[in-house]
């Protein structure tokens, strides 16, 4: 099957992304990618943006990091630019001011979580522990201050850089129609639990790089694989009759996509969560790299 409709990363870009070339570990890069996509999703929900625009923004966001390092641009700025660009591509434009306000809210909330992480404390009335939380209160920015204009400039630059560095190749093919067709071929359209679970896996996969690495049939096959296995539904998988071969998908690729998706559900330590929250801006990433530079051996 031709992959002309699916701009994919090259092997050289996959082996050594620009961020990894600058010293960012692979696991940290994947976590930052996922968190950036999560911010895009949350902003889309608050802005009541269409799902197609939010999904398009997340895919463009993932592609961008195969041509640019997180040392050069922050995930918050690029996510904001990707959502603004995607809203134009999908003909559901949003006001720049609304987008800036929403991202300011999300970034303030992230800073609050970083400053006040949940901490267990002993209760005076029982031996059980309770979680002490600090209520978050949003402080609107002043439109005559520098914060608004800094975010506006970052938004404009991010949108321009996405277009420039992707060579204006912003065509995106979403997987949802393909999923419906594949479920019909497999006789699973009557199982709403399969459809909803596979649909959810496709949405979760937007937080991973798979849409920049594999063709849509492979990603949809991985979503169906995870859904049917978790629901205990058997599909033909004998050597001479493998269901994924109907869709020109390779087993190793399907299994790899499933691994990317399942990685999202692993438990993260509070330290890992705090590390990601603290690296939303390029300034923070550069400071982290300076603190974690390998020490050269003495001669």
C-alpha atoms as a PDB file:
ATOM      1  CA  UNK A   1       0.000   0.000   0.000  1.00  0.00           C
ATOM      2  CA  UNK A   2       1.295   3.444  -0.900  1.00  0.00           C
ATOM      3  CA  UNK A   3       2.163   5.646   2.063  1.00  0.00           C
ATOM      4  CA  UNK A   4       2.086   8.871   0.050  1.00  0.00           C
ATOM      5  CA  UNK A   5      -0.824  10.080   2.177  1.00  0.00           C
ATOM      6  CA  UNK A   6       1.034   9.427   5.435  1.00  0.00           C
ATOM      7  CA  UNK A   7       4.193  11.547   5.853  1.00  0.00           C
ATOM      8  CA  UNK A   8       6.424   9.329   7.986  1.00  0.00           C
ATOM      9  CA  UNK A   9       9.745   9.866   9.720  1.00  0.00           C
ATOM     10  CA  UNK A  10      12.855   8.455   8.084  1.00  0.00           C
ATOM     11  CA  UNK A  11      14.969   5.723   9.689  1.00  0.00           C
ATOM     12  CA  UNK A  12      17.698   8.250  10.484  1.00  0.00           C
ATOM     13  CA  UNK A  13      15.191  10.504  12.259  1.00  0.00           C
ATOM     14  CA  UNK A  14      13.795   7.568  14.216  1.00  0.00           C
ATOM     15  CA  UNK A  15      17.192   6.262  15.334  1.00  0.00           C
ATOM     16  CA  UNK A  16      18.412   9.635  16.545  1.00  0.00           C
ATOM     17  CA  UNK A  17      15.825  12.361  16.932  1.00  0.00           C
ATOM     18  CA  UNK A  18      17.027  15.971  17.214  1.00  0.00           C
ATOM     19  CA  UNK A  19      16.125  15.990  20.916  1.00  0.00           C
ATOM     20  CA  UNK A  20      18.147  12.850  21.609  1.00  0.00           C
ATOM     21  CA  UNK A  21      21.048  14.329  19.658  1.00  0.00           C
ATOM     22  CA  UNK A  22      20.952  17.247  22.104  1.00  0.00           C
ATOM     23  CA  UNK A  23      21.152  14.912  25.114  1.00  0.00           C
ATOM     24  CA  UNK A  24      17.493  14.359  26.045  1.00  0.00           C
ATOM     25  CA  UNK A  25      16.916  10.681  26.993  1.00  0.00           C
ATOM     26  CA  UNK A  26      14.437   8.715  24.920  1.00  0.00           C
ATOM     27  CA  UNK A  27      12.065   8.008  27.823  1.00  0.00           C
ATOM     28  CA  UNK A  28      11.981  11.685  28.778  1.00  0.00           C
ATOM     29  CA  UNK A  29      11.325  12.735  25.182  1.00  0.00           C
ATOM     30  CA  UNK A  30       8.404  10.306  24.929  1.00  0.00           C
ATOM     31  CA  UNK A  31       6.975  11.587  28.223  1.00  0.00           C
ATOM     32  CA  UNK A  32       7.262  15.201  27.075  1.00  0.00           C
ATOM     33  CA  UNK A  33       5.609  14.330  23.769  1.00  0.00           C
ATOM     34  CA  UNK A  34       2.729  12.678  25.637  1.00  0.00           C
ATOM     35  CA  UNK A  35       2.326  15.606  28.019  1.00  0.00           C
ATOM     36  CA  UNK A  36       2.362  18.111  25.159  1.00  0.00           C
ATOM     37  CA  UNK A  37      -0.425  16.164  23.448  1.00  0.00           C
ATOM     38  CA  UNK A  38      -2.335  16.032  26.717  1.00  0.00           C
ATOM     39  CA  UNK A  39      -2.181  19.825  26.937  1.00  0.00           C
ATOM     40  CA  UNK A  40      -3.497  20.055  23.362  1.00  0.00           C
ATOM     41  CA  UNK A  41      -6.376  17.738  24.243  1.00  0.00           C
ATOM     42  CA  UNK A  42      -7.261  19.649  27.410  1.00  0.00           C
ATOM     43  CA  UNK A  43      -7.133  22.956  25.549  1.00  0.00           C
ATOM     44  CA  UNK A  44      -9.371  21.540  22.830  1.00  0.00           C
ATOM     45  CA  UNK A  45     -11.931  20.418  25.393  1.00  0.00           C
ATOM     46  CA  UNK A  46     -11.971  23.808  27.132  1.00  0.00           C
ATOM     47  CA  UNK A  47     -12.298  25.577  23.774  1.00  0.00           C
ATOM     48  CA  UNK A  48     -15.010  23.122  22.634  1.00  0.00           C
ATOM     49  CA  UNK A  49     -12.942  22.453  19.555  1.00  0.00           C
ATOM     50  CA  UNK A  50     -13.821  19.681  17.106  1.00  0.00           C
ATOM     51  CA  UNK A  51     -12.161  16.325  17.682  1.00  0.00           C
ATOM     52  CA  UNK A  52     -10.744  16.272  14.155  1.00  0.00           C
ATOM     53  CA  UNK A  53      -8.888  19.534  14.805  1.00  0.00           C
ATOM     54  CA  UNK A  54      -7.521  18.306  18.146  1.00  0.00           C
ATOM     55  CA  UNK A  55      -6.353  15.017  16.604  1.00  0.00           C
ATOM     56  CA  UNK A  56      -4.756  16.834  13.670  1.00  0.00           C
ATOM     57  CA  UNK A  57      -2.922  19.151  16.067  1.00  0.00           C
ATOM     58  CA  UNK A  58      -1.538  16.217  18.056  1.00  0.00           C
ATOM     59  CA  UNK A  59      -0.260  14.490  14.911  1.00  0.00           C
ATOM     60  CA  UNK A  60       1.423  17.676  13.672  1.00  0.00           C
ATOM     61  CA  UNK A  61       2.929  18.109  17.132  1.00  0.00           C
ATOM     62  CA  UNK A  62       4.420  14.607  17.014  1.00  0.00           C
ATOM     63  CA  UNK A  63       5.827  15.093  13.516  1.00  0.00           C
ATOM     64  CA  UNK A  64       7.492  18.353  14.502  1.00  0.00           C
ATOM     65  CA  UNK A  65       9.842  16.670  16.983  1.00  0.00           C
ATOM     66  CA  UNK A  66      11.379  14.509  14.261  1.00  0.00           C
ATOM     67  CA  UNK A  67      12.779  17.633  12.620  1.00  0.00           C
ATOM     68  CA  UNK A  68      13.362  19.874  15.653  1.00  0.00           C
ATOM     69  CA  UNK A  69      14.792  19.527  19.147  1.00  0.00           C
ATOM     70  CA  UNK A  70      12.962  20.312  22.367  1.00  0.00           C
ATOM     71  CA  UNK A  71      16.010  22.360  23.245  1.00  0.00           C
ATOM     72  CA  UNK A  72      14.974  24.878  20.590  1.00  0.00           C
ATOM     73  CA  UNK A  73      11.215  25.085  21.221  1.00  0.00           C
ATOM     74  CA  UNK A  74       9.064  24.371  24.258  1.00  0.00           C
ATOM     75  CA  UNK A  75       6.317  21.752  24.108  1.00  0.00           C
ATOM     76  CA  UNK A  76       3.814  24.293  25.422  1.00  0.00           C
ATOM     77  CA  UNK A  77       4.498  26.805  22.658  1.00  0.00           C
ATOM     78  CA  UNK A  78       4.533  24.187  19.886  1.00  0.00           C
ATOM     79  CA  UNK A  79       1.335  22.581  21.180  1.00  0.00           C
ATOM     80  CA  UNK A  80      -0.369  25.959  21.148  1.00  0.00           C
ATOM     81  CA  UNK A  81       0.831  26.645  17.600  1.00  0.00           C
ATOM     82  CA  UNK A  82      -0.204  23.173  16.406  1.00  0.00           C
ATOM     83  CA  UNK A  83      -3.752  23.581  17.731  1.00  0.00           C
ATOM     84  CA  UNK A  84      -4.048  27.038  16.193  1.00  0.00           C
ATOM     85  CA  UNK A  85      -2.827  25.743  12.824  1.00  0.00           C
ATOM     86  CA  UNK A  86      -5.031  22.641  12.941  1.00  0.00           C
ATOM     87  CA  UNK A  87      -8.121  24.741  13.633  1.00  0.00           C
ATOM     88  CA  UNK A  88      -7.474  26.526  10.337  1.00  0.00           C
ATOM     89  CA  UNK A  89      -6.788  23.309   8.433  1.00  0.00           C
ATOM     90  CA  UNK A  90     -10.046  21.759   9.634  1.00  0.00           C
ATOM     91  CA  UNK A  91     -12.009  24.984   9.003  1.00  0.00           C
ATOM     92  CA  UNK A  92     -12.987  25.537  12.620  1.00  0.00           C
ATOM     93  CA  UNK A  93     -10.752  28.496  13.541  1.00  0.00           C
ATOM     94  CA  UNK A  94     -10.416  29.669  17.114  1.00  0.00           C
ATOM     95  CA  UNK A  95      -9.649  33.129  18.415  1.00  0.00           C
ATOM     96  CA  UNK A  96      -6.015  33.662  19.247  1.00  0.00           C
ATOM     97  CA  UNK A  97      -6.910  35.359  22.519  1.00  0.00           C
ATOM     98  CA  UNK A  98      -9.095  32.428  23.619  1.00  0.00           C
ATOM     99  CA  UNK A  99      -6.315  29.948  22.878  1.00  0.00           C
ATOM    100  CA  UNK A 100      -3.754  32.027  24.771  1.00  0.00           C
ATOM    101  CA  UNK A 101      -6.065  32.336  27.774  1.00  0.00           C
ATOM    102  CA  UNK A 102      -6.669  28.583  27.881  1.00  0.00           C
ATOM    103  CA  UNK A 103      -2.974  27.731  27.627  1.00  0.00           C
ATOM    104  CA  UNK A 104      -2.168  30.288  30.309  1.00  0.00           C
ATOM    105  CA  UNK A 105      -4.675  28.506  32.553  1.00  0.00           C
ATOM    106  CA  UNK A 106      -3.179  25.084  31.793  1.00  0.00           C
ATOM    107  CA  UNK A 107       0.391  26.268  32.359  1.00  0.00           C
ATOM    108  CA  UNK A 108      -0.548  27.954  35.638  1.00  0.00           C
ATOM    109  CA  UNK A 109      -2.220  24.742  36.779  1.00  0.00           C
ATOM    110  CA  UNK A 110       0.867  22.722  35.842  1.00  0.00           C
ATOM    111  CA  UNK A 111       3.063  25.135  37.806  1.00  0.00           C
ATOM    112  CA  UNK A 112       0.697  24.796  40.762  1.00  0.00           C
ATOM    113  CA  UNK A 113       0.925  20.991  40.674  1.00  0.00           C
ATOM    114  CA  UNK A 114       4.700  21.248  40.536  1.00  0.00           C
ATOM    115  CA  UNK A 115       4.782  23.613  43.495  1.00  0.00           C
ATOM    116  CA  UNK A 116       2.174  21.751  45.548  1.00  0.00           C
ATOM    117  CA  UNK A 117       2.444  18.008  44.775  1.00  0.00           C
ATOM    118  CA  UNK A 118      -0.069  15.784  46.599  1.00  0.00           C
ATOM    119  CA  UNK A 119       1.480  14.640  49.872  1.00  0.00           C
ATOM    120  CA  UNK A 120       0.050  12.062  52.299  1.00  0.00           C
ATOM    121  CA  UNK A 121      -0.424  13.297  55.844  1.00  0.00           C
ATOM    122  CA  UNK A 122      -1.547  11.457  58.959  1.00  0.00           C
ATOM    123  CA  UNK A 123      -5.092  12.204  60.053  1.00  0.00           C
ATOM    124  CA  UNK A 124      -5.717  13.117  63.677  1.00  0.00           C
ATOM    125  CA  UNK A 125      -8.957  11.151  63.864  1.00  0.00           C
ATOM    126  CA  UNK A 126      -7.855   7.910  62.216  1.00  0.00           C
ATOM    127  CA  UNK A 127      -4.747   5.913  61.506  1.00  0.00           C
ATOM    128  CA  UNK A 128      -5.472   6.059  57.773  1.00  0.00           C
ATOM    129  CA  UNK A 129      -3.650   8.597  55.668  1.00  0.00           C
ATOM    130  CA  UNK A 130      -5.303  11.387  53.741  1.00  0.00           C
ATOM    131  CA  UNK A 131      -4.039  13.502  50.881  1.00  0.00           C
ATOM    132  CA  UNK A 132      -3.414  17.160  51.526  1.00  0.00           C
ATOM    133  CA  UNK A 133      -4.304  19.277  48.481  1.00  0.00           C
ATOM    134  CA  UNK A 134      -3.898  22.938  47.777  1.00  0.00           C
ATOM    135  CA  UNK A 135      -6.768  24.427  45.804  1.00  0.00           C
ATOM    136  CA  UNK A 136      -5.742  25.926  42.500  1.00  0.00           C
ATOM    137  CA  UNK A 137      -6.934  29.434  41.749  1.00  0.00           C
ATOM    138  CA  UNK A 138      -6.430  30.863  38.296  1.00  0.00           C
ATOM    139  CA  UNK A 139      -5.060  34.395  38.125  1.00  0.00           C
ATOM    140  CA  UNK A 140      -6.035  35.990  34.780  1.00  0.00           C
ATOM    141  CA  UNK A 141      -3.235  37.784  33.001  1.00  0.00           C
ATOM    142  CA  UNK A 142      -3.321  41.473  32.254  1.00  0.00           C
ATOM    143  CA  UNK A 143      -3.777  42.310  28.595  1.00  0.00           C
ATOM    144  CA  UNK A 144      -1.490  45.286  29.113  1.00  0.00           C
ATOM    145  CA  UNK A 145       1.259  43.197  30.688  1.00  0.00           C
ATOM    146  CA  UNK A 146       4.045  41.273  29.006  1.00  0.00           C
ATOM    147  CA  UNK A 147       2.684  37.745  29.579  1.00  0.00           C
ATOM    148  CA  UNK A 148      -0.067  37.996  26.980  1.00  0.00           C
ATOM    149  CA  UNK A 149       2.218  39.436  24.304  1.00  0.00           C
ATOM    150  CA  UNK A 150       4.953  36.896  25.080  1.00  0.00           C
ATOM    151  CA  UNK A 151       2.473  34.046  24.589  1.00  0.00           C
ATOM    152  CA  UNK A 152       1.092  35.677  21.458  1.00  0.00           C
ATOM    153  CA  UNK A 153       4.561  35.976  19.950  1.00  0.00           C
ATOM    154  CA  UNK A 154       5.346  32.367  20.913  1.00  0.00           C
ATOM    155  CA  UNK A 155       2.107  31.211  19.262  1.00  0.00           C
ATOM    156  CA  UNK A 156       2.830  33.016  15.996  1.00  0.00           C
ATOM    157  CA  UNK A 157       6.430  31.767  15.893  1.00  0.00           C
ATOM    158  CA  UNK A 158       5.385  28.184  16.687  1.00  0.00           C
ATOM    159  CA  UNK A 159       2.782  28.097  13.915  1.00  0.00           C
ATOM    160  CA  UNK A 160       5.298  29.517  11.437  1.00  0.00           C
ATOM    161  CA  UNK A 161       8.010  27.052  12.470  1.00  0.00           C
ATOM    162  CA  UNK A 162       5.677  24.059  12.176  1.00  0.00           C
ATOM    163  CA  UNK A 163       4.849  25.025   8.603  1.00  0.00           C
ATOM    164  CA  UNK A 164       8.452  25.810   7.743  1.00  0.00           C
ATOM    165  CA  UNK A 165      10.110  22.755   9.257  1.00  0.00           C
ATOM    166  CA  UNK A 166       7.480  20.337   7.962  1.00  0.00           C
ATOM    167  CA  UNK A 167       7.855  21.840   4.499  1.00  0.00           C
ATOM    168  CA  UNK A 168       4.171  22.873   4.514  1.00  0.00           C
ATOM    169  CA  UNK A 169       3.317  19.166   4.323  1.00  0.00           C
ATOM    170  CA  UNK A 170       0.532  19.263   6.886  1.00  0.00           C
ATOM    171  CA  UNK A 171      -1.732  16.651   5.320  1.00  0.00           C
ATOM    172  CA  UNK A 172      -3.182  14.385   8.012  1.00  0.00           C
ATOM    173  CA  UNK A 173      -5.241  11.222   7.552  1.00  0.00           C
ATOM    174  CA  UNK A 174      -7.268  10.352  10.651  1.00  0.00           C
ATOM    175  CA  UNK A 175      -7.936   6.682  11.488  1.00  0.00           C
ATOM    176  CA  UNK A 176     -11.569   6.697  12.557  1.00  0.00           C
ATOM    177  CA  UNK A 177     -13.187   5.918   9.202  1.00  0.00           C
ATOM    178  CA  UNK A 178     -10.647   3.149   8.646  1.00  0.00           C
ATOM    179  CA  UNK A 179     -11.528   1.636  12.021  1.00  0.00           C
ATOM    180  CA  UNK A 180     -15.222   1.462  11.130  1.00  0.00           C
ATOM    181  CA  UNK A 181     -14.445  -0.258   7.824  1.00  0.00           C
ATOM    182  CA  UNK A 182     -12.099  -2.794   9.436  1.00  0.00           C
ATOM    183  CA  UNK A 183     -14.589  -3.653  12.188  1.00  0.00           C
ATOM    184  CA  UNK A 184     -17.225  -4.223   9.502  1.00  0.00           C
ATOM    185  CA  UNK A 185     -14.908  -6.598   7.624  1.00  0.00           C
ATOM    186  CA  UNK A 186     -14.181  -8.511  10.832  1.00  0.00           C
ATOM    187  CA  UNK A 187     -17.866  -8.717  11.773  1.00  0.00           C
ATOM    188  CA  UNK A 188     -17.420  -6.717  14.974  1.00  0.00           C
ATOM    189  CA  UNK A 189     -19.671  -3.741  14.300  1.00  0.00           C
ATOM    190  CA  UNK A 190     -22.386  -5.172  16.566  1.00  0.00           C
ATOM    191  CA  UNK A 191     -19.985  -5.225  19.516  1.00  0.00           C
ATOM    192  CA  UNK A 192     -20.171  -1.708  20.919  1.00  0.00           C
ATOM    193  CA  UNK A 193     -17.585  -2.564  23.566  1.00  0.00           C
ATOM    194  CA  UNK A 194     -15.043  -3.425  20.862  1.00  0.00           C
ATOM    195  CA  UNK A 195     -15.788  -0.283  18.880  1.00  0.00           C
ATOM    196  CA  UNK A 196     -15.588   2.060  21.877  1.00  0.00           C
ATOM    197  CA  UNK A 197     -12.438   0.455  23.267  1.00  0.00           C
ATOM    198  CA  UNK A 198     -10.638   0.455  19.913  1.00  0.00           C
ATOM    199  CA  UNK A 199     -11.713   4.072  19.359  1.00  0.00           C
ATOM    200  CA  UNK A 200     -10.254   4.934  22.752  1.00  0.00           C
ATOM    201  CA  UNK A 201      -6.949   3.286  21.888  1.00  0.00           C
ATOM    202  CA  UNK A 202      -6.755   5.334  18.686  1.00  0.00           C
ATOM    203  CA  UNK A 203      -7.283   8.505  20.709  1.00  0.00           C
ATOM    204  CA  UNK A 204      -4.667   7.459  23.266  1.00  0.00           C
ATOM    205  CA  UNK A 205      -2.236   6.660  20.456  1.00  0.00           C
ATOM    206  CA  UNK A 206      -2.290  10.359  19.563  1.00  0.00           C
ATOM    207  CA  UNK A 207      -0.094  10.894  22.636  1.00  0.00           C
ATOM    208  CA  UNK A 208       2.574   8.653  21.103  1.00  0.00           C
ATOM    209  CA  UNK A 209       4.713   9.107  17.953  1.00  0.00           C
ATOM    210  CA  UNK A 210       3.029   6.225  16.069  1.00  0.00           C
ATOM    211  CA  UNK A 211       1.141   8.487  13.653  1.00  0.00           C
ATOM    212  CA  UNK A 212       4.507   9.807  12.489  1.00  0.00           C
ATOM    213  CA  UNK A 213       6.028   6.315  12.255  1.00  0.00           C
ATOM    214  CA  UNK A 214       3.414   3.923  10.848  1.00  0.00           C
ATOM    215  CA  UNK A 215       0.655   3.956   8.249  1.00  0.00           C
ATOM    216  CA  UNK A 216      -2.945   4.242   9.428  1.00  0.00           C
ATOM    217  CA  UNK A 217      -3.862   0.562   8.671  1.00  0.00           C
ATOM    218  CA  UNK A 218      -1.112  -0.592  11.032  1.00  0.00           C
ATOM    219  CA  UNK A 219      -2.265   1.729  13.837  1.00  0.00           C
ATOM    220  CA  UNK A 220      -5.903   0.700  13.442  1.00  0.00           C
ATOM    221  CA  UNK A 221      -4.894  -2.982  13.464  1.00  0.00           C
ATOM    222  CA  UNK A 222      -3.032  -2.417  16.744  1.00  0.00           C
ATOM    223  CA  UNK A 223      -6.108  -0.765  18.291  1.00  0.00           C
ATOM    224  CA  UNK A 224      -8.276  -3.718  17.229  1.00  0.00           C
ATOM    225  CA  UNK A 225      -5.675  -6.149  18.574  1.00  0.00           C
ATOM    226  CA  UNK A 226      -5.638  -4.494  22.006  1.00  0.00           C
ATOM    227  CA  UNK A 227      -9.428  -4.198  22.160  1.00  0.00           C
ATOM    228  CA  UNK A 228     -10.130  -7.815  21.211  1.00  0.00           C
ATOM    229  CA  UNK A 229      -7.430  -9.211  23.506  1.00  0.00           C
ATOM    230  CA  UNK A 230      -8.665  -7.267  26.517  1.00  0.00           C
ATOM    231  CA  UNK A 231     -12.232  -8.392  25.801  1.00  0.00           C
ATOM    232  CA  UNK A 232     -11.226 -12.005  25.166  1.00  0.00           C
ATOM    233  CA  UNK A 233     -12.397 -12.097  21.538  1.00  0.00           C
ATOM    234  CA  UNK A 234     -10.546 -14.532  19.289  1.00  0.00           C
ATOM    235  CA  UNK A 235      -9.687 -13.532  15.732  1.00  0.00           C
ATOM    236  CA  UNK A 236      -8.081 -15.728  13.026  1.00  0.00           C
ATOM    237  CA  UNK A 237      -4.341 -15.761  13.638  1.00  0.00           C
ATOM    238  CA  UNK A 238      -3.065 -19.012  12.187  1.00  0.00           C
ATOM    239  CA  UNK A 239       0.033 -18.793   9.935  1.00  0.00           C
ATOM    240  CA  UNK A 240      -2.067 -19.215   6.777  1.00  0.00           C
ATOM    241  CA  UNK A 241      -4.931 -16.975   7.928  1.00  0.00           C
ATOM    242  CA  UNK A 242      -3.915 -13.870   9.883  1.00  0.00           C
ATOM    243  CA  UNK A 243      -6.573 -11.180  10.176  1.00  0.00           C
ATOM    244  CA  UNK A 244      -4.119  -8.252  10.119  1.00  0.00           C
ATOM    245  CA  UNK A 245      -2.827  -9.348   6.718  1.00  0.00           C
ATOM    246  CA  UNK A 246      -6.218  -8.351   5.310  1.00  0.00           C
ATOM    247  CA  UNK A 247      -5.170  -4.766   5.940  1.00  0.00           C
ATOM    248  CA  UNK A 248      -1.584  -5.023   4.651  1.00  0.00           C
ATOM    249  CA  UNK A 249      -0.242  -4.704   8.192  1.00  0.00           C
ATOM    250  CA  UNK A 250       2.954  -6.387   9.355  1.00  0.00           C
ATOM    251  CA  UNK A 251       2.794  -8.207  12.699  1.00  0.00           C
ATOM    252  CA  UNK A 252       6.003  -6.694  14.058  1.00  0.00           C
ATOM    253  CA  UNK A 253       4.735  -3.196  13.293  1.00  0.00           C
ATOM    254  CA  UNK A 254       1.319  -3.901  14.830  1.00  0.00           C
ATOM    255  CA  UNK A 255       2.978  -5.234  17.976  1.00  0.00           C
ATOM    256  CA  UNK A 256       5.279  -2.217  18.146  1.00  0.00           C
ATOM    257  CA  UNK A 257       2.341   0.217  17.945  1.00  0.00           C
ATOM    258  CA  UNK A 258       0.563  -1.727  20.685  1.00  0.00           C
ATOM    259  CA  UNK A 259       3.671  -1.367  22.838  1.00  0.00           C
ATOM    260  CA  UNK A 260       3.735   2.409  22.342  1.00  0.00           C
ATOM    261  CA  UNK A 261       0.090   2.620  23.421  1.00  0.00           C
ATOM    262  CA  UNK A 262       0.453   0.369  26.466  1.00  0.00           C
ATOM    263  CA  UNK A 263       3.449   2.401  27.628  1.00  0.00           C
ATOM    264  CA  UNK A 264       1.053   5.265  28.358  1.00  0.00           C
ATOM    265  CA  UNK A 265      -0.655   3.245  31.096  1.00  0.00           C
ATOM    266  CA  UNK A 266       2.423   2.433  33.153  1.00  0.00           C
ATOM    267  CA  UNK A 267       2.769   3.789  36.670  1.00  0.00           C
ATOM    268  CA  UNK A 268       4.952   6.860  36.993  1.00  0.00           C
ATOM    269  CA  UNK A 269       6.775   7.916  40.103  1.00  0.00           C
ATOM    270  CA  UNK A 270       6.059  11.372  41.571  1.00  0.00           C
ATOM    271  CA  UNK A 271       9.598  12.348  40.593  1.00  0.00           C
ATOM    272  CA  UNK A 272       8.983  11.456  36.930  1.00  0.00           C
ATOM    273  CA  UNK A 273       5.702  13.351  36.917  1.00  0.00           C
ATOM    274  CA  UNK A 274       7.314  16.423  38.470  1.00  0.00           C
ATOM    275  CA  UNK A 275      10.184  16.258  35.972  1.00  0.00           C
ATOM    276  CA  UNK A 276       7.784  16.403  33.022  1.00  0.00           C
ATOM    277  CA  UNK A 277       5.725  19.234  34.533  1.00  0.00           C
ATOM    278  CA  UNK A 278       8.873  21.254  35.015  1.00  0.00           C
ATOM    279  CA  UNK A 279      10.098  20.930  31.407  1.00  0.00           C
ATOM    280  CA  UNK A 280       7.280  22.568  29.468  1.00  0.00           C
ATOM    281  CA  UNK A 281       9.403  25.494  28.263  1.00  0.00           C
ATOM    282  CA  UNK A 282      12.622  25.441  26.245  1.00  0.00           C
ATOM    283  CA  UNK A 283      14.309  27.464  28.997  1.00  0.00           C
ATOM    284  CA  UNK A 284      13.593  24.711  31.523  1.00  0.00           C
ATOM    285  CA  UNK A 285      14.823  22.020  29.100  1.00  0.00           C
ATOM    286  CA  UNK A 286      18.079  23.880  28.535  1.00  0.00           C
ATOM    287  CA  UNK A 287      18.596  24.284  32.287  1.00  0.00           C
ATOM    288  CA  UNK A 288      17.932  20.551  32.768  1.00  0.00           C
ATOM    289  CA  UNK A 289      20.461  19.690  30.057  1.00  0.00           C
ATOM    290  CA  UNK A 290      23.067  21.951  31.666  1.00  0.00           C
ATOM    291  CA  UNK A 291      22.538  20.187  34.998  1.00  0.00           C
ATOM    292  CA  UNK A 292      22.760  16.718  33.440  1.00  0.00           C
ATOM    293  CA  UNK A 293      25.702  17.144  31.115  1.00  0.00           C
ATOM    294  CA  UNK A 294      28.029  14.146  31.365  1.00  0.00           C
ATOM    295  CA  UNK A 295      31.237  14.951  33.207  1.00  0.00           C
ATOM    296  CA  UNK A 296      34.244  14.609  30.944  1.00  0.00           C
ATOM    297  CA  UNK A 297      36.872  12.227  32.336  1.00  0.00           C
ATOM    298  CA  UNK A 298      40.089  13.787  33.544  1.00  0.00           C
ATOM    299  CA  UNK A 299      43.128  13.188  31.404  1.00  0.00           C
END
